[in-house]
Amino acid sequence: MRHIHIIGIGTGNPEHLTVQAINAMNAADVVFIPTKGAEKADLAEVRREICARYLTRQGVRILEFEVPKRSTQDRSYSESVDDWHAAIARIYGALIADLPETGAGAFLVWGDPSLYDSTIRIIERVRNSGACAFDYSVVPGITSIQVLAASHRIPVNLVGKPVEITTGRRLVEEGLTHESTVVMLDGEQAFSKIDDPDVEIFWGAYLGTKDEIIRSGRLGDIAGDIVRLRAEERARHGWIMDIYLLRKGRDFRE
């Protein structure tokens, strides 16, 4: 039976790869690399570098494929994501069907496959369609949350307190509800809409790469600087991938 390895590769530093990830890559006959247009060419290039560094078994092929863009016109958020996943599933299905019946393929996933990534969902969609028979395994990767905390030299949680992981869209809708809140996928710069003098922010962009930038401080003091810096870096690179932790409170304080 065909087998698919879904492999977390970390946030851009080839040294994030685990031994398990390297072994899974070398167990594949084909490593699939997604491309997302010229403006995100850096993301594909990191995957190419990872393959060049760690693929040691002779005969492993690299196959690049283009990821369709998500259309949001006249659709709700859920509808647009569902349609987008369906389009990607058709591409994945064709890639998997082209494998030999006992062959193996590998998808290299930014960060970790379990956290705000839909590769597992899309692979399940392909398998449930019955287009071709295969099974799959998941290899965890270092997440942007871990890299953010390491770069700022902080723990993510306050002692004995919970942590919320959410999106910028949700933060705008619901506000800040926990002492420690990790915010991902924030195209709205939701942190700039939080008006609370006691909140701190620990922000980072391009984490794990040579272009990594981090900033931290009282949110009210540096939110404007982060907005400006984020715009400058997005213009320079053509894309930005950032994450931040909002914190209110201290250890050992009820």
C-alpha atoms as a PDB file:
ATOM      1  CA  MET A   1       0.000   0.000   0.000  1.00  0.00           C
ATOM      2  CA  ARG A   2       1.142   3.543  -0.659  1.00  0.00           C
ATOM      3  CA  HIS A   3       2.340   5.471   2.384  1.00  0.00           C
ATOM      4  CA  ILE A   4       2.484   9.217   3.013  1.00  0.00           C
ATOM      5  CA  HIS A   5       4.786  10.863   5.561  1.00  0.00           C
ATOM      6  CA  ILE A   6       3.531  14.223   6.857  1.00  0.00           C
ATOM      7  CA  ILE A   7       6.677  15.798   8.255  1.00  0.00           C
ATOM      8  CA  GLY A   8       6.980  18.903  10.422  1.00  0.00           C
ATOM      9  CA  ILE A   9      10.120  20.810   9.444  1.00  0.00           C
ATOM     10  CA  GLY A  10      10.142  23.733  11.877  1.00  0.00           C
ATOM     11  CA  THR A  11       9.953  27.412  11.032  1.00  0.00           C
ATOM     12  CA  GLY A  12      12.742  27.950   8.532  1.00  0.00           C
ATOM     13  CA  ASN A  13      15.957  26.817  10.191  1.00  0.00           C
ATOM     14  CA  PRO A  14      17.134  23.538   8.600  1.00  0.00           C
ATOM     15  CA  GLU A  15      18.597  22.589  11.977  1.00  0.00           C
ATOM     16  CA  HIS A  16      15.063  22.358  13.385  1.00  0.00           C
ATOM     17  CA  LEU A  17      14.630  18.959  11.736  1.00  0.00           C
ATOM     18  CA  THR A  18      14.532  16.008  14.092  1.00  0.00           C
ATOM     19  CA  VAL A  19      16.242  12.677  13.463  1.00  0.00           C
ATOM     20  CA  GLN A  20      12.766  11.172  13.025  1.00  0.00           C
ATOM     21  CA  ALA A  21      11.979  13.750  10.319  1.00  0.00           C
ATOM     22  CA  ILE A  22      15.232  13.075   8.471  1.00  0.00           C
ATOM     23  CA  ASN A  23      14.621   9.327   8.572  1.00  0.00           C
ATOM     24  CA  ALA A  24      11.060   9.776   7.262  1.00  0.00           C
ATOM     25  CA  MET A  25      12.286  11.931   4.369  1.00  0.00           C
ATOM     26  CA  ASN A  26      14.794   9.259   3.409  1.00  0.00           C
ATOM     27  CA  ALA A  27      12.113   6.564   3.602  1.00  0.00           C
ATOM     28  CA  ALA A  28      10.134   8.311   0.850  1.00  0.00           C
ATOM     29  CA  ASP A  29      10.401   7.741  -2.874  1.00  0.00           C
ATOM     30  CA  VAL A  30       9.186  11.283  -3.580  1.00  0.00           C
ATOM     31  CA  VAL A  31       9.357  14.455  -1.495  1.00  0.00           C
ATOM     32  CA  PHE A  32       6.630  16.921  -2.462  1.00  0.00           C
ATOM     33  CA  ILE A  33       7.496  20.633  -2.250  1.00  0.00           C
ATOM     34  CA  PRO A  34       4.681  23.204  -2.496  1.00  0.00           C
ATOM     35  CA  THR A  35       5.272  26.488  -4.283  1.00  0.00           C
ATOM     36  CA  LYS A  36       3.187  29.581  -3.609  1.00  0.00           C
ATOM     37  CA  GLY A  37       4.261  32.032  -6.270  1.00  0.00           C
ATOM     38  CA  ALA A  38       7.229  34.361  -6.566  1.00  0.00           C
ATOM     39  CA  GLU A  39       6.390  36.380  -3.459  1.00  0.00           C
ATOM     40  CA  LYS A  40       6.768  33.291  -1.228  1.00  0.00           C
ATOM     41  CA  ALA A  41       9.660  31.692  -3.091  1.00  0.00           C
ATOM     42  CA  ASP A  42      11.708  31.762   0.127  1.00  0.00           C
ATOM     43  CA  LEU A  43       9.436  29.116   1.685  1.00  0.00           C
ATOM     44  CA  ALA A  44      10.067  26.680  -1.154  1.00  0.00           C
ATOM     45  CA  GLU A  45      13.779  27.476  -1.098  1.00  0.00           C
ATOM     46  CA  VAL A  46      14.045  26.474   2.575  1.00  0.00           C
ATOM     47  CA  ARG A  47      12.458  23.129   1.723  1.00  0.00           C
ATOM     48  CA  ARG A  48      14.918  22.677  -1.145  1.00  0.00           C
ATOM     49  CA  GLU A  49      17.793  23.425   1.213  1.00  0.00           C
ATOM     50  CA  ILE A  50      16.465  20.880   3.694  1.00  0.00           C
ATOM     51  CA  CYS A  51      16.308  18.248   0.959  1.00  0.00           C
ATOM     52  CA  ALA A  52      19.813  19.076  -0.248  1.00  0.00           C
ATOM     53  CA  ARG A  53      21.181  18.813   3.272  1.00  0.00           C
ATOM     54  CA  TYR A  54      19.389  15.739   4.578  1.00  0.00           C
ATOM     55  CA  LEU A  55      18.382  13.493   1.676  1.00  0.00           C
ATOM     56  CA  THR A  56      21.093  10.860   1.572  1.00  0.00           C
ATOM     57  CA  ARG A  57      19.327   7.842   0.084  1.00  0.00           C
ATOM     58  CA  GLN A  58      19.908   7.478  -3.630  1.00  0.00           C
ATOM     59  CA  GLY A  59      16.868   7.734  -5.872  1.00  0.00           C
ATOM     60  CA  VAL A  60      14.632   9.978  -3.760  1.00  0.00           C
ATOM     61  CA  ARG A  61      12.892  12.364  -6.162  1.00  0.00           C
ATOM     62  CA  ILE A  62      11.787  15.928  -5.447  1.00  0.00           C
ATOM     63  CA  LEU A  63       8.526  16.976  -7.041  1.00  0.00           C
ATOM     64  CA  GLU A  64       7.302  20.559  -6.820  1.00  0.00           C
ATOM     65  CA  PHE A  65       3.654  21.498  -7.172  1.00  0.00           C
ATOM     66  CA  GLU A  66       1.783  24.781  -7.151  1.00  0.00           C
ATOM     67  CA  VAL A  67      -0.654  25.514  -4.335  1.00  0.00           C
ATOM     68  CA  PRO A  68      -3.852  27.263  -5.514  1.00  0.00           C
ATOM     69  CA  LYS A  69      -4.761  30.577  -3.911  1.00  0.00           C
ATOM     70  CA  ARG A  70      -7.760  30.808  -1.606  1.00  0.00           C
ATOM     71  CA  SER A  71     -10.657  32.760  -3.107  1.00  0.00           C
ATOM     72  CA  THR A  72     -12.644  34.836  -0.617  1.00  0.00           C
ATOM     73  CA  GLN A  73     -15.024  36.644  -2.954  1.00  0.00           C
ATOM     74  CA  ASP A  74     -18.723  36.082  -2.102  1.00  0.00           C
ATOM     75  CA  ARG A  75     -17.801  33.413   0.462  1.00  0.00           C
ATOM     76  CA  SER A  76     -17.705  33.200   4.231  1.00  0.00           C
ATOM     77  CA  TYR A  77     -14.378  32.346   5.847  1.00  0.00           C
ATOM     78  CA  SER A  78     -15.420  28.716   6.374  1.00  0.00           C
ATOM     79  CA  GLU A  79     -16.737  28.378   2.833  1.00  0.00           C
ATOM     80  CA  SER A  80     -13.576  29.809   1.298  1.00  0.00           C
ATOM     81  CA  VAL A  81     -11.343  27.499   3.341  1.00  0.00           C
ATOM     82  CA  ASP A  82     -13.485  24.452   2.525  1.00  0.00           C
ATOM     83  CA  ASP A  83     -13.342  25.214  -1.224  1.00  0.00           C
ATOM     84  CA  TRP A  84      -9.601  25.826  -0.988  1.00  0.00           C
ATOM     85  CA  HIS A  85      -9.008  22.536   0.810  1.00  0.00           C
ATOM     86  CA  ALA A  86     -11.066  20.720  -1.820  1.00  0.00           C
ATOM     87  CA  ALA A  87      -8.870  22.191  -4.580  1.00  0.00           C
ATOM     88  CA  ILE A  88      -5.676  21.194  -2.775  1.00  0.00           C
ATOM     89  CA  ALA A  89      -7.081  17.724  -2.088  1.00  0.00           C
ATOM     90  CA  ARG A  90      -7.523  17.165  -5.817  1.00  0.00           C
ATOM     91  CA  ILE A  91      -3.837  18.020  -6.336  1.00  0.00           C
ATOM     92  CA  TYR A  92      -2.734  15.794  -3.443  1.00  0.00           C
ATOM     93  CA  GLY A  93      -4.877  12.961  -4.771  1.00  0.00           C
ATOM     94  CA  ALA A  94      -3.207  13.131  -8.177  1.00  0.00           C
ATOM     95  CA  LEU A  95       0.274  13.217  -6.607  1.00  0.00           C
ATOM     96  CA  ILE A  96      -0.456  10.224  -4.408  1.00  0.00           C
ATOM     97  CA  ALA A  97      -2.125   8.248  -7.206  1.00  0.00           C
ATOM     98  CA  ASP A  98       1.061   8.629  -9.278  1.00  0.00           C
ATOM     99  CA  LEU A  99       3.096   6.814  -6.629  1.00  0.00           C
ATOM    100  CA  PRO A 100       3.791   3.095  -7.176  1.00  0.00           C
ATOM    101  CA  GLU A 101       1.328   0.887  -5.296  1.00  0.00           C
ATOM    102  CA  THR A 102       3.936   0.217  -2.605  1.00  0.00           C
ATOM    103  CA  GLY A 103       5.613   3.619  -2.883  1.00  0.00           C
ATOM    104  CA  ALA A 104       5.971   6.360  -0.300  1.00  0.00           C
ATOM    105  CA  GLY A 105       5.702  10.137  -0.517  1.00  0.00           C
ATOM    106  CA  ALA A 106       6.519  12.922   1.928  1.00  0.00           C
ATOM    107  CA  PHE A 107       4.924  16.334   2.449  1.00  0.00           C
ATOM    108  CA  LEU A 108       7.139  18.856   4.264  1.00  0.00           C
ATOM    109  CA  VAL A 109       4.985  20.973   6.583  1.00  0.00           C
ATOM    110  CA  TRP A 110       6.074  24.341   7.962  1.00  0.00           C
ATOM    111  CA  GLY A 111       6.202  24.211  11.760  1.00  0.00           C
ATOM    112  CA  ASP A 112       4.180  21.291  13.106  1.00  0.00           C
ATOM    113  CA  PRO A 113       1.330  19.516  11.272  1.00  0.00           C
ATOM    114  CA  SER A 114      -0.941  19.744  14.329  1.00  0.00           C
ATOM    115  CA  LEU A 115      -0.936  23.526  14.767  1.00  0.00           C
ATOM    116  CA  TYR A 116      -2.830  25.798  12.354  1.00  0.00           C
ATOM    117  CA  ASP A 117      -1.920  23.649   9.386  1.00  0.00           C
ATOM    118  CA  SER A 118      -4.414  21.650   7.345  1.00  0.00           C
ATOM    119  CA  THR A 119      -2.233  19.010   5.676  1.00  0.00           C
ATOM    120  CA  ILE A 120      -3.662  16.260   7.899  1.00  0.00           C
ATOM    121  CA  ARG A 121      -7.237  17.389   7.164  1.00  0.00           C
ATOM    122  CA  ILE A 122      -6.567  17.465   3.430  1.00  0.00           C
ATOM    123  CA  ILE A 123      -4.867  14.069   3.439  1.00  0.00           C
ATOM    124  CA  GLU A 124      -7.894  12.647   5.300  1.00  0.00           C
ATOM    125  CA  ARG A 125     -10.161  14.233   2.683  1.00  0.00           C
ATOM    126  CA  VAL A 126      -8.186  12.510  -0.082  1.00  0.00           C
ATOM    127  CA  ARG A 127      -8.280   9.169   1.700  1.00  0.00           C
ATOM    128  CA  ASN A 128     -12.016   9.400   2.390  1.00  0.00           C
ATOM    129  CA  SER A 129     -12.665  10.112  -1.282  1.00  0.00           C
ATOM    130  CA  GLY A 130     -11.526   6.594  -2.106  1.00  0.00           C
ATOM    131  CA  ALA A 131      -9.565   7.802  -5.136  1.00  0.00           C
ATOM    132  CA  CYS A 132      -6.597   5.609  -4.178  1.00  0.00           C
ATOM    133  CA  ALA A 133      -5.613   3.445  -1.222  1.00  0.00           C
ATOM    134  CA  PHE A 134      -2.893   4.687   1.119  1.00  0.00           C
ATOM    135  CA  ASP A 135      -2.073   5.159   4.760  1.00  0.00           C
ATOM    136  CA  TYR A 136      -0.073   7.904   6.424  1.00  0.00           C
ATOM    137  CA  SER A 137       1.999   8.850   9.452  1.00  0.00           C
ATOM    138  CA  VAL A 138       2.774  12.193  11.085  1.00  0.00           C
ATOM    139  CA  VAL A 139       6.182  13.395  12.283  1.00  0.00           C
ATOM    140  CA  PRO A 140       6.035  16.361  14.693  1.00  0.00           C
ATOM    141  CA  GLY A 141       8.091  19.499  14.146  1.00  0.00           C
ATOM    142  CA  ILE A 142       9.248  22.500  16.138  1.00  0.00           C
ATOM    143  CA  THR A 143       6.474  25.087  16.224  1.00  0.00           C
ATOM    144  CA  SER A 144       6.705  28.846  15.853  1.00  0.00           C
ATOM    145  CA  ILE A 145       5.478  29.075  19.454  1.00  0.00           C
ATOM    146  CA  GLN A 146       8.559  27.240  20.677  1.00  0.00           C
ATOM    147  CA  VAL A 147      10.878  29.356  18.538  1.00  0.00           C
ATOM    148  CA  LEU A 148       9.203  32.585  19.695  1.00  0.00           C
ATOM    149  CA  ALA A 149       9.656  31.614  23.338  1.00  0.00           C
ATOM    150  CA  ALA A 150      13.265  30.542  22.787  1.00  0.00           C
ATOM    151  CA  SER A 151      14.147  33.742  20.918  1.00  0.00           C
ATOM    152  CA  HIS A 152      12.679  35.891  23.713  1.00  0.00           C
ATOM    153  CA  ARG A 153      14.070  33.549  26.404  1.00  0.00           C
ATOM    154  CA  ILE A 154      10.706  33.228  28.145  1.00  0.00           C
ATOM    155  CA  PRO A 155       8.324  30.455  29.191  1.00  0.00           C
ATOM    156  CA  VAL A 156       5.024  30.574  27.319  1.00  0.00           C
ATOM    157  CA  ASN A 157       2.863  30.191  30.426  1.00  0.00           C
ATOM    158  CA  LEU A 158       2.704  31.882  33.792  1.00  0.00           C
ATOM    159  CA  VAL A 159       3.111  29.472  36.707  1.00  0.00           C
ATOM    160  CA  GLY A 160       0.018  27.304  37.023  1.00  0.00           C
ATOM    161  CA  LYS A 161      -1.910  29.369  34.454  1.00  0.00           C
ATOM    162  CA  PRO A 162      -3.446  28.304  31.120  1.00  0.00           C
ATOM    163  CA  VAL A 163      -2.381  29.443  27.677  1.00  0.00           C
ATOM    164  CA  GLU A 164      -4.748  30.291  24.836  1.00  0.00           C
ATOM    165  CA  ILE A 165      -3.669  29.781  21.220  1.00  0.00           C
ATOM    166  CA  THR A 166      -5.838  31.725  18.806  1.00  0.00           C
ATOM    167  CA  THR A 167      -5.894  33.743  15.598  1.00  0.00           C
ATOM    168  CA  GLY A 168      -5.927  37.465  14.967  1.00  0.00           C
ATOM    169  CA  ARG A 169      -9.476  37.234  13.673  1.00  0.00           C
ATOM    170  CA  ARG A 170     -10.659  35.602  16.894  1.00  0.00           C
ATOM    171  CA  LEU A 171      -8.770  38.076  19.047  1.00  0.00           C
ATOM    172  CA  VAL A 172     -10.598  40.941  17.334  1.00  0.00           C
ATOM    173  CA  GLU A 173     -13.952  39.227  17.866  1.00  0.00           C
ATOM    174  CA  GLU A 174     -13.472  38.013  21.436  1.00  0.00           C
ATOM    175  CA  GLY A 175     -10.813  40.234  22.987  1.00  0.00           C
ATOM    176  CA  LEU A 176      -8.127  39.161  25.420  1.00  0.00           C
ATOM    177  CA  THR A 177      -9.527  36.477  27.747  1.00  0.00           C
ATOM    178  CA  HIS A 178      -6.443  34.765  29.236  1.00  0.00           C
ATOM    179  CA  GLU A 179      -3.276  35.819  31.047  1.00  0.00           C
ATOM    180  CA  SER A 180      -1.160  34.327  28.247  1.00  0.00           C
ATOM    181  CA  THR A 181      -2.448  34.368  24.662  1.00  0.00           C
ATOM    182  CA  VAL A 182      -0.476  33.214  21.632  1.00  0.00           C
ATOM    183  CA  VAL A 183      -1.785  34.800  18.426  1.00  0.00           C
ATOM    184  CA  MET A 184      -1.130  33.321  14.993  1.00  0.00           C
ATOM    185  CA  LEU A 185      -2.371  34.129  11.468  1.00  0.00           C
ATOM    186  CA  ASP A 186      -2.924  37.786  12.298  1.00  0.00           C
ATOM    187  CA  GLY A 187      -3.364  39.675   9.057  1.00  0.00           C
ATOM    188  CA  GLU A 188      -5.448  42.251  10.928  1.00  0.00           C
ATOM    189  CA  GLN A 189      -2.725  43.256  13.414  1.00  0.00           C
ATOM    190  CA  ALA A 190      -5.217  42.590  16.172  1.00  0.00           C
ATOM    191  CA  PHE A 191      -2.690  43.455  18.880  1.00  0.00           C
ATOM    192  CA  SER A 192      -2.977  47.119  17.856  1.00  0.00           C
ATOM    193  CA  LYS A 193      -6.671  47.050  18.821  1.00  0.00           C
ATOM    194  CA  ILE A 194      -6.041  45.918  22.414  1.00  0.00           C
ATOM    195  CA  ASP A 195      -6.320  48.846  24.821  1.00  0.00           C
ATOM    196  CA  ASP A 196      -4.991  47.616  28.150  1.00  0.00           C
ATOM    197  CA  PRO A 197      -2.078  49.331  29.942  1.00  0.00           C
ATOM    198  CA  ASP A 198      -1.002  46.120  31.705  1.00  0.00           C
ATOM    199  CA  VAL A 199      -0.485  43.914  28.634  1.00  0.00           C
ATOM    200  CA  GLU A 200       2.977  42.977  27.400  1.00  0.00           C
ATOM    201  CA  ILE A 201       3.740  41.720  23.890  1.00  0.00           C
ATOM    202  CA  PHE A 202       6.473  39.343  22.718  1.00  0.00           C
ATOM    203  CA  TRP A 203       6.474  39.514  18.920  1.00  0.00           C
ATOM    204  CA  GLY A 204       8.533  37.789  16.244  1.00  0.00           C
ATOM    205  CA  ALA A 205       8.614  37.506  12.459  1.00  0.00           C
ATOM    206  CA  TYR A 206      10.501  35.156  10.104  1.00  0.00           C
ATOM    207  CA  LEU A 207      11.342  33.093  13.174  1.00  0.00           C
ATOM    208  CA  GLY A 208      14.131  30.591  12.712  1.00  0.00           C
ATOM    209  CA  THR A 209      15.385  32.221   9.509  1.00  0.00           C
ATOM    210  CA  LYS A 210      18.298  34.572   8.836  1.00  0.00           C
ATOM    211  CA  ASP A 211      15.727  37.414   8.685  1.00  0.00           C
ATOM    212  CA  GLU A 212      14.302  36.789  12.170  1.00  0.00           C
ATOM    213  CA  ILE A 213      13.118  39.924  13.994  1.00  0.00           C
ATOM    214  CA  ILE A 214      11.808  40.085  17.559  1.00  0.00           C
ATOM    215  CA  ARG A 215      10.411  42.888  19.696  1.00  0.00           C
ATOM    216  CA  SER A 216       9.005  42.928  23.239  1.00  0.00           C
ATOM    217  CA  GLY A 217       7.686  45.408  25.758  1.00  0.00           C
ATOM    218  CA  ARG A 218       4.537  47.022  27.073  1.00  0.00           C
ATOM    219  CA  LEU A 219       1.968  46.755  24.283  1.00  0.00           C
ATOM    220  CA  GLY A 220       0.875  50.387  24.501  1.00  0.00           C
ATOM    221  CA  ASP A 221       4.474  51.545  24.093  1.00  0.00           C
ATOM    222  CA  ILE A 222       5.543  49.457  21.085  1.00  0.00           C
ATOM    223  CA  ALA A 223       2.387  48.440  19.180  1.00  0.00           C
ATOM    224  CA  GLY A 224       2.843  51.310  16.745  1.00  0.00           C
ATOM    225  CA  ASP A 225       6.496  50.415  16.169  1.00  0.00           C
ATOM    226  CA  ILE A 226       5.558  46.803  15.409  1.00  0.00           C
ATOM    227  CA  VAL A 227       2.857  47.906  12.958  1.00  0.00           C
ATOM    228  CA  ARG A 228       5.399  50.088  11.151  1.00  0.00           C
ATOM    229  CA  LEU A 229       8.136  47.450  11.196  1.00  0.00           C
ATOM    230  CA  ARG A 230       5.737  44.766  10.016  1.00  0.00           C
ATOM    231  CA  ALA A 231       4.689  46.893   7.024  1.00  0.00           C
ATOM    232  CA  GLU A 232       8.312  47.643   6.120  1.00  0.00           C
ATOM    233  CA  GLU A 233       9.349  44.006   6.270  1.00  0.00           C
ATOM    234  CA  ARG A 234       6.339  42.826   4.316  1.00  0.00           C
ATOM    235  CA  ALA A 235       7.160  45.333   1.574  1.00  0.00           C
ATOM    236  CA  ARG A 236      10.788  44.216   1.550  1.00  0.00           C
ATOM    237  CA  HIS A 237      10.110  40.469   1.387  1.00  0.00           C
ATOM    238  CA  GLY A 238       6.727  40.427  -0.353  1.00  0.00           C
ATOM    239  CA  TRP A 239       5.293  38.355   2.518  1.00  0.00           C
ATOM    240  CA  ILE A 240       5.456  38.103   6.296  1.00  0.00           C
ATOM    241  CA  MET A 241       4.928  35.300   8.758  1.00  0.00           C
ATOM    242  CA  ASP A 242       4.723  36.488  12.350  1.00  0.00           C
ATOM    243  CA  ILE A 243       3.423  35.399  15.737  1.00  0.00           C
ATOM    244  CA  TYR A 244       3.204  36.960  19.180  1.00  0.00           C
ATOM    245  CA  LEU A 245       2.419  36.307  22.813  1.00  0.00           C
ATOM    246  CA  LEU A 246       0.252  38.721  24.788  1.00  0.00           C
ATOM    247  CA  ARG A 247       0.737  38.474  28.526  1.00  0.00           C
ATOM    248  CA  LYS A 248      -1.023  40.085  31.448  1.00  0.00           C
ATOM    249  CA  GLY A 249      -0.038  39.258  35.021  1.00  0.00           C
ATOM    250  CA  ARG A 250       2.923  37.760  36.821  1.00  0.00           C
ATOM    251  CA  ASP A 251       4.040  34.422  38.207  1.00  0.00           C
ATOM    252  CA  PHE A 252       2.726  33.571  41.693  1.00  0.00           C
ATOM    253  CA  ARG A 253       0.053  36.245  41.514  1.00  0.00           C
ATOM    254  CA  GLU A 254      -3.561  35.086  41.757  1.00  0.00           C
END
